[in-house]
């Protein structure tokens, strides 16, 4: 630039040289300004590139939740089979308890037949070998009982406080309180029946009333 300035100063007599020098100076200045701007842009871009390169991205961690597997131990086969058999097996009933249930059912039917004045069912509960109290024959007792039952308009008989005791093989003793109601008459009597099992059916063979 200094050399150009000197040449311009010496060439005052020639105008075209003056303008040429001015255009040369302006061109050099513009070149320097453009060069400086380019360098600044390049420097800024390089710094940005360095900054981005220095920033290391944090790794993405994916955590997978795994459900724990719990192993359930099955019951022992022997224990489960035993429980199944015990649940399905019917409860054991003693022979004495079974006989008492049969006698209870028999006496309930006897009282119901009497209350309903069902003579056939009532007399069916008594054995042909039934021995009435006193000196009455079996036929006389049947006739007397028939007249007493049919003469009542309404009868209600209940068996309460039943006690059943075995006597010997095929025989049972039943003691209870007999509640009797008929046509306004009500009585409570202790009664004892001797029962005999005949051909698989319970029958009354003796009847006692204090």
Foldseek 3Di string as FASTA:
>chain_A
DVVLVVVLVVPPVDVVSVVVSVVVVVVVVVVVVVVVVVVVVVVVVVVVVVVVVVDDDDDDDDDDDDDDDDDDDDDDPVVVVVVVCVVPDDDDDDPVNVVVVQVVVLVVQLQVCLQVVVLVSNCVQADPLADEPDDDDPVRVSVVVNVVSVVFPGKHKDWAPWDWAADDVQKIKIWTWIWIDTPHDTDIWIKIFIWGQDPNHIHTRYIDTD
